[in-house]
Protein backbone atom coordinates (compact mmCIF):
# COMPACT_ATOMS: atom_id res chain seq x y z
CA MET A 1 0.00 0.00 0.00
CA GLU A 2 1.43 3.35 -1.00
CA GLU A 3 2.28 5.59 1.94
CA GLU A 4 -0.02 8.58 2.24
CA ARG A 5 1.72 11.94 2.62
CA TRP A 6 0.27 14.89 4.48
CA PRO A 7 -0.08 17.55 3.38
CA PRO A 8 -0.36 16.28 -0.18
CA ARG A 9 2.35 17.61 -2.45
CA ALA A 10 1.31 20.03 -5.16
CA LYS A 11 2.23 19.01 -8.66
CA LYS A 12 5.21 20.87 -10.01
CA MET A 13 4.74 22.85 -13.17
CA LYS A 14 7.63 23.24 -15.55
CA VAL A 15 7.95 26.84 -16.61
CA SER A 16 10.51 27.96 -19.10
CA PRO A 17 12.73 30.66 -17.57
CA SER A 18 12.41 32.69 -20.74
CA SER A 19 8.60 32.66 -20.68
CA SER A 20 7.69 34.16 -17.31
CA GLY A 21 8.50 36.95 -14.88
CA LEU A 22 11.84 38.71 -14.96
CA TRP A 23 13.32 36.24 -17.40
CA SER A 24 10.81 37.16 -20.11
CA LEU A 25 12.50 40.56 -20.41
CA PRO A 26 15.46 41.35 -22.68
CA ASP A 27 18.85 40.31 -21.29
CA GLU A 28 20.10 43.87 -20.80
CA VAL A 29 17.01 44.73 -18.74
CA VAL A 30 17.45 41.61 -16.57
CA VAL A 31 21.12 42.46 -15.95
CA ASN A 32 20.19 46.00 -14.95
CA CYS A 33 17.46 44.73 -12.58
CA LEU A 34 19.86 42.27 -10.92
CA ALA A 35 22.44 45.03 -10.42
CA GLN A 36 19.91 47.55 -9.09
CA ALA A 37 18.54 45.02 -6.59
CA GLN A 38 22.07 44.49 -5.21
CA ILE A 39 21.43 40.77 -4.83
CA SER A 40 23.99 38.98 -2.69
CA ARG A 41 26.53 36.63 -4.22
CA PHE A 42 24.82 33.71 -2.48
CA ASP A 43 21.52 34.46 -4.23
CA LEU A 44 23.28 34.99 -7.55
CA ALA A 45 24.94 31.60 -7.13
CA ALA A 46 21.51 30.03 -6.48
CA LEU A 47 20.18 31.66 -9.65
CA ALA A 48 23.15 30.39 -11.62
CA ILE A 49 22.30 26.74 -11.03
CA ALA A 50 18.67 27.12 -12.08
CA SER A 51 19.37 26.91 -15.82
CA LYS A 52 21.94 27.66 -18.50
CA SER A 53 20.26 30.97 -19.33
CA HIS A 54 20.32 32.02 -15.67
CA ARG A 55 23.98 31.05 -15.38
CA SER A 56 24.88 32.96 -18.53
CA LEU A 57 23.33 36.20 -17.26
CA VAL A 58 24.61 35.91 -13.68
CA SER A 59 28.19 35.35 -14.85
CA SER A 60 28.08 37.98 -17.59
CA PRO A 61 30.79 40.67 -17.68
CA GLU A 62 28.01 43.26 -18.04
CA LEU A 63 26.52 42.39 -14.63
CA LEU A 64 29.96 42.38 -13.01
CA GLU A 65 30.77 45.80 -14.47
CA LEU A 66 27.42 47.25 -13.35
CA ARG A 67 27.90 45.95 -9.80
CA ARG A 68 31.40 47.41 -9.74
CA ARG A 69 30.22 50.85 -10.92
CA MET A 70 27.40 50.86 -8.37
CA GLY A 71 29.80 50.01 -5.53
CA CYS A 72 28.00 46.82 -4.52
CA THR A 73 29.67 45.48 -1.41
CA GLU A 74 28.92 42.82 1.18
CA THR A 75 30.71 41.40 4.17
CA CYS A 76 31.25 37.66 4.41
CA LEU A 77 32.77 35.49 7.11
CA TYR A 78 35.51 33.11 5.94
CA VAL A 79 36.85 30.06 7.76
CA CYS A 80 40.07 28.12 7.20
CA MET A 81 39.85 24.64 8.70
CA ARG A 82 41.96 21.51 8.77
CA ILE A 83 39.56 18.60 8.27
CA SER A 84 41.72 15.92 6.68
CA PRO A 85 43.27 13.24 8.93
CA ASP A 86 46.43 13.61 6.83
CA PRO A 87 48.48 16.34 8.57
CA SER A 88 50.36 17.09 5.34
CA SER A 89 47.19 18.00 3.42
CA PRO A 90 46.43 21.70 2.89
CA PRO A 91 43.52 23.08 4.94
CA GLY A 92 40.08 23.70 3.48
CA TRP A 93 38.40 27.09 3.06
CA PHE A 94 34.73 27.94 3.62
CA ILE A 95 32.32 30.86 3.56
CA LEU A 96 29.43 31.21 6.04
CA SER A 97 26.15 31.58 4.15
CA PRO A 98 23.15 33.66 5.32
CA HIS A 99 21.48 30.33 6.11
CA HIS A 100 24.24 29.54 8.62
CA ARG A 101 26.06 26.90 6.62
CA LEU A 102 29.75 26.68 5.81
CA ASN A 103 30.00 26.35 2.04
CA PRO A 104 33.34 25.15 0.63
CA ILE A 105 35.34 27.37 -1.71
CA PRO A 106 38.52 26.45 -3.62
CA SER A 107 41.44 25.65 -1.33
CA ASN A 108 45.09 26.28 -2.13
CA PRO A 109 47.05 23.03 -2.73
CA CYS A 110 50.30 24.95 -2.16
CA GLN A 111 49.31 26.41 1.22
CA ALA A 112 51.36 25.31 4.22
CA PRO A 113 49.37 22.76 6.28
CA GLU A 114 50.12 24.45 9.60
CA SER A 115 51.58 27.45 11.47
CA SER A 116 50.69 30.08 8.85
CA SER A 117 49.77 33.64 9.78
CA TYR A 118 46.60 35.21 8.40
CA VAL A 119 45.66 38.83 7.71
CA ALA A 120 42.24 39.91 6.41
CA VAL A 121 42.12 43.04 4.24
CA ASP A 122 39.35 44.60 2.16
CA GLY A 123 38.73 42.16 -0.67
CA GLY A 124 40.77 39.20 0.52
CA ILE A 125 43.00 37.33 2.93
CA TYR A 126 46.80 37.02 3.02
CA VAL A 127 48.31 33.73 4.17
CA LEU A 128 51.91 34.17 5.26
CA GLY A 129 54.56 31.50 5.84
CA GLY A 130 53.96 28.31 7.78
CA LEU A 131 55.48 24.84 7.96
CA ILE A 132 55.79 22.52 4.96
CA ASP A 133 57.27 19.12 5.78
CA GLY A 134 58.56 20.63 9.03
CA HIS A 135 60.41 23.47 7.30
CA ARG A 136 59.53 27.17 7.48
CA THR A 137 58.46 28.85 4.25
CA GLN A 138 58.58 32.46 3.12
CA ASP A 139 55.67 31.98 0.69
CA VAL A 140 52.76 34.43 0.76
CA TRP A 141 49.40 33.72 -0.85
CA PHE A 142 46.37 35.95 -1.41
CA LEU A 143 42.79 34.69 -1.48
CA ASP A 144 40.66 36.96 -3.67
CA CYS A 145 37.33 36.83 -1.84
CA PHE A 146 35.34 38.09 -4.82
CA SER A 147 36.43 35.49 -7.34
CA HIS A 148 37.57 32.87 -4.79
CA THR A 149 40.85 32.46 -6.60
CA TRP A 150 44.37 32.18 -5.19
CA ASN A 151 47.30 34.35 -6.26
CA ARG A 152 50.92 34.20 -5.20
CA ALA A 153 52.06 37.43 -3.51
CA PRO A 154 55.68 38.59 -3.10
CA SER A 155 57.53 36.29 -0.68
CA MET A 156 58.76 37.44 2.70
CA LYS A 157 62.49 38.09 3.10
CA MET A 158 62.68 35.44 5.83
CA PRO A 159 61.00 32.01 6.16
CA ARG A 160 58.59 32.19 9.10
CA ALA A 161 56.13 30.02 11.01
CA SER A 162 53.63 31.16 13.66
CA ALA A 163 54.75 34.75 13.16
CA SER A 164 52.86 37.75 14.52
CA ALA A 165 51.15 39.60 11.63
CA ASN A 166 48.97 42.70 11.96
CA LEU A 167 47.41 45.18 9.53
CA VAL A 168 47.92 48.86 10.35
CA ASP A 169 47.31 51.71 7.88
CA GLY A 170 47.58 49.64 4.72
CA ARG A 171 50.69 47.75 5.78
CA ILE A 172 51.15 44.25 7.20
CA TYR A 173 53.69 44.22 10.03
CA VAL A 174 55.26 40.80 10.61
CA SER A 175 57.61 39.80 13.41
CA GLY A 176 59.11 36.62 14.84
CA GLY A 177 58.64 33.09 13.63
CA CYS A 178 62.22 32.86 12.28
CA VAL A 179 64.83 30.20 12.90
CA GLU A 180 66.51 31.39 16.10
CA GLU A 181 70.05 31.02 14.78
CA LYS A 182 69.32 33.20 11.74
CA ALA A 183 67.28 35.89 13.49
CA ASN A 184 68.76 39.29 14.30
CA PRO A 185 67.37 42.82 14.88
CA ILE A 186 67.46 43.47 11.13
CA ASN A 187 65.44 40.48 9.92
CA TRP A 188 63.38 39.76 13.05
CA SER A 189 60.62 41.94 11.58
CA GLU A 190 59.51 43.11 8.15
CA VAL A 191 56.61 45.07 6.65
CA PHE A 192 54.51 44.56 3.50
CA ASP A 193 53.01 47.58 1.71
CA LEU A 194 49.66 46.57 0.21
CA LYS A 195 49.70 49.41 -2.32
CA THR A 196 53.17 48.83 -3.74
CA GLN A 197 53.17 45.08 -3.05
CA THR A 198 56.72 45.28 -1.70
CA TRP A 199 58.47 44.11 1.46
CA GLY A 200 60.64 46.43 3.53
CA HIS A 201 62.41 46.58 6.87
CA TRP A 202 60.60 47.39 10.08
CA TYR A 203 62.79 47.75 13.12
CA LEU A 204 61.66 45.87 16.20
CA PRO A 205 64.15 44.73 18.82
CA LYS A 206 64.71 40.99 18.77
CA LEU A 207 62.78 39.59 21.72
CA ARG A 208 63.66 36.68 23.92
CA PHE A 209 60.18 35.23 23.40
CA SER A 210 57.90 35.39 20.36
CA PHE A 211 54.49 37.06 20.51
CA CYS A 212 51.81 34.45 21.12
CA GLN A 213 48.86 36.86 20.87
CA SER A 214 48.58 40.26 19.23
CA VAL A 215 45.73 42.50 18.12
CA VAL A 216 45.25 45.94 16.58
CA ILE A 217 43.11 48.74 18.02
CA GLU A 218 42.31 50.47 14.74
CA GLU A 219 41.27 53.81 16.23
CA GLU A 220 44.62 54.11 18.01
CA LYS A 221 46.66 52.33 15.30
CA LYS A 222 48.33 50.41 18.13
CA VAL A 223 49.26 46.76 18.37
CA TYR A 224 48.78 45.16 21.79
CA ALA A 225 50.65 41.91 22.37
CA VAL A 226 51.77 39.36 24.93
CA ASP A 227 54.78 37.10 24.45
CA GLU A 228 55.35 33.54 25.62
CA GLY A 229 57.13 34.92 28.68
CA ARG A 230 53.86 36.62 29.77
CA ARG A 231 55.28 40.08 29.09
CA SER A 232 52.88 42.67 27.68
CA PHE A 233 53.71 45.22 24.99
CA TYR A 234 52.12 47.83 22.81
CA LEU A 235 53.53 49.16 19.58
CA LEU A 236 53.05 52.03 17.15
CA PRO A 237 54.45 50.30 14.04
CA SER A 238 54.16 53.28 11.69
CA GLU A 239 56.45 55.29 13.99
CA CYS A 240 58.66 52.35 15.02
CA LEU A 241 57.75 52.98 18.66
CA PHE A 242 57.73 50.09 21.11
CA TRP A 243 56.80 49.99 24.80
CA ARG A 244 56.66 47.29 27.41
CA PHE A 245 54.11 47.39 30.22
CA SER A 246 55.67 47.96 33.61
CA LYS A 247 54.71 44.56 34.94
CA THR A 248 54.22 40.99 33.77
CA SER A 249 50.66 40.02 32.93
CA ASP A 250 49.76 37.76 35.85
CA ASP A 251 46.38 37.16 34.25
CA PHE A 252 47.94 35.54 31.19
CA ILE A 253 49.15 31.97 30.92
CA PRO A 254 49.96 30.80 27.37
CA GLY A 255 47.12 28.69 26.02
CA THR A 256 44.44 30.18 28.29
CA ARG A 257 43.77 33.45 26.43
CA ASN A 258 43.36 32.67 22.73
CA ASP A 259 41.95 34.29 19.59
CA TRP A 260 42.42 37.91 20.63
CA CYS A 261 40.21 40.34 18.73
CA ALA A 262 39.19 43.98 19.12
CA ILE A 263 35.74 45.56 19.05
CA GLY A 264 36.02 49.31 19.35
CA LYS A 265 38.58 49.98 22.07
CA LEU A 266 38.02 46.75 23.97
CA LEU A 267 39.74 43.38 23.63
CA PHE A 268 38.00 40.01 23.65
CA CYS A 269 39.36 36.48 23.72
CA ARG A 270 38.51 32.81 24.18
CA GLY A 271 39.23 31.67 27.73
CA THR A 272 39.09 28.26 29.35
CA CYS A 273 35.91 26.30 30.15
CA GLY A 274 34.03 27.92 27.25
CA ARG A 275 34.22 31.43 28.66
CA ILE A 276 34.38 34.60 26.57
CA LEU A 277 36.55 37.24 28.23
CA TRP A 278 37.09 40.98 27.72
CA CYS A 279 39.43 43.66 29.03
CA GLU A 280 40.69 47.20 28.64
CA PRO A 281 43.88 47.02 26.54
CA SER A 282 45.80 49.28 28.90
CA GLU A 283 45.20 46.86 31.79
CA LEU A 284 44.92 43.37 30.28
CA LEU A 285 42.87 42.26 33.29
CA TRP A 286 40.44 39.81 31.75
CA LYS A 287 36.83 39.56 32.93
CA PRO A 288 34.04 37.23 31.78
CA VAL A 289 31.29 38.43 29.44
CA MET A 290 28.10 38.25 31.49
CA GLY A 291 24.68 36.87 30.55
CA LEU A 292 25.86 33.76 28.70
CA GLU A 293 24.43 30.89 30.70
CA GLU A 294 25.66 28.03 28.52
CA HIS A 295 29.38 27.42 28.21
CA TYR A 296 30.48 25.66 25.05
CA ASP A 297 33.83 24.08 24.31
CA ILE A 298 34.71 26.96 21.99
CA CYS A 299 37.34 26.11 19.40
CA ARG A 300 37.43 29.51 17.66
CA LEU A 301 36.36 33.08 18.39
CA SER A 302 36.27 36.00 15.96
CA THR A 303 34.27 39.14 15.19
CA ASN A 304 32.01 40.13 12.31
CA SER A 305 31.12 43.38 10.55
CA ALA A 306 28.23 44.04 12.94
CA GLY A 307 30.63 44.33 15.86
CA ASN A 308 29.44 41.03 17.28
CA ILE A 309 31.36 37.95 18.36
CA VAL A 310 31.15 34.74 16.33
CA ILE A 311 32.11 31.47 18.05
CA PHE A 312 32.54 27.89 16.82
CA TRP A 313 32.42 24.64 18.78
CA ASN A 314 32.06 20.91 18.18
CA SER A 315 29.04 18.86 19.16
CA HIS A 316 29.40 15.09 19.51
CA LEU A 317 25.74 14.22 20.08
CA ARG A 318 24.67 11.50 17.62
CA GLN A 319 26.76 12.94 14.81
CA THR A 320 29.76 15.22 14.89
CA TRP A 321 28.78 18.72 13.85
CA LEU A 322 30.58 22.01 13.92
CA TRP A 323 28.32 24.61 15.49
CA SER A 324 28.44 28.38 15.40
CA ALA A 325 26.74 31.27 17.15
CA GLU A 326 26.64 35.05 16.93
CA ILE A 327 26.71 37.05 20.16
CA SER A 328 25.83 40.74 20.41
CA LEU A 329 27.36 42.84 23.18
CA ARG A 330 26.38 45.76 25.37
CA ARG A 331 28.15 47.61 28.17
CA GLU A 332 26.26 48.24 31.39
CA GLN A 333 27.53 49.37 34.80
CA GLY A 334 31.13 48.52 34.05
CA GLU A 335 30.34 45.04 32.73
CA ILE A 336 30.00 43.58 29.23
CA TRP A 337 26.83 41.58 28.64
CA GLY A 338 26.33 39.14 25.77
CA LYS A 339 23.17 38.01 24.01
CA MET A 340 23.05 35.07 21.64
CA GLU A 341 21.46 36.20 18.37
CA TRP A 342 21.49 32.79 16.72
CA SER A 343 23.15 29.38 16.96
CA ASP A 344 23.14 26.61 14.40
CA ALA A 345 24.96 23.54 13.12
CA VAL A 346 27.07 24.92 10.26
CA PHE A 347 29.14 21.96 9.04
CA LYS A 348 28.95 18.18 9.33
CA LEU A 349 32.26 16.51 10.09
CA ASP A 350 32.79 12.98 8.84
CA SER A 351 34.13 10.17 11.01
CA LEU A 352 37.69 10.85 9.82
CA SER A 353 37.56 14.51 10.85
CA HIS A 354 37.80 13.97 14.59
CA SER A 355 41.04 15.95 14.58
CA SER A 356 39.54 18.93 12.72
CA LYS A 357 40.79 22.34 13.75
CA ILE A 358 39.76 25.86 12.77
CA LEU A 359 42.94 27.73 11.90
CA PHE A 360 41.43 31.12 11.07
CA SER A 361 38.13 32.97 10.74
CA ALA A 362 37.40 36.58 9.87
CA SER A 363 34.93 38.88 8.15
CA VAL A 364 36.01 40.33 4.80
CA LEU A 365 34.50 43.27 2.94
CA VAL A 366 33.98 42.06 -0.64
CA SER A 367 33.19 44.25 -3.63
CA ALA A 368 33.09 43.77 -7.38
CA LYS A 369 36.34 44.80 -9.00
């Protein structure tokens, strides 16, 4: 006996895309309508798979040029994640869709599997150095977040792994991560000019310990950092100024304050036991964000364009899923309070991905070129 379905499914009608609605108009009118509506890239991609005629119009140079002239921009969150059980395999790259799913984008087969540094800029992400077969590399790659293509950028002067890299005023300032025997005050640090695409020297005294966390306060153009010896610093890279805080950060133990990020003039990080912490950069005295009753085993913390925090964690109930949530923030009576705006399962991990690890996540402003 055939199973009865409720509610009964309506019969689908096949309608030619060229015979109804928007698609009955001339191509140039459709292109203009799509550009004027400022449809997101996700919706354009959905249109592209509907039919050959849809795909032809969505990918047309005319639509791209119109979107560029109109200044169409959108901010997307990108994630770099190691999901293969083979540690020598390059990591995968994903984009978070409006429906809270991580959609794969082309990965870079030449990217170092581990210990790279990442810097998000308008339009893309730089991947600097890393370890390939246990050896440091000076390679630099650029992910174009509009076309999702990879381009080789000028190499660093020194091979580096797990270096500190920060964007300040259109320049990427890189320090540390060198082979100790080859490092000196001249090559300990270097700077990359995004406009000229050239590397130059940036003087920073060679430190006994490498920076393990660093973050930029954009309004102040300062870099705040802590090294593996628990010493705190702040830097003005553009003026080659460098200060050390008067005391060691007693509130910092390497591995307990991860994924530093800045929202306004405050710092946030991922603490232990699933806690989200915040502090004033001049004090580095971390306090918990209030109002978050559930504590997840957070594996990555970052910010988005709305000034909110985005977290990721693994769930092992029934099936292994990577989950994500967005948390808005407010300041009240000297405390920071968080409110969960949404949470969802964003990516299903297969049985071989038990050792998966998010290496990087960040929001990128993307516009048509």
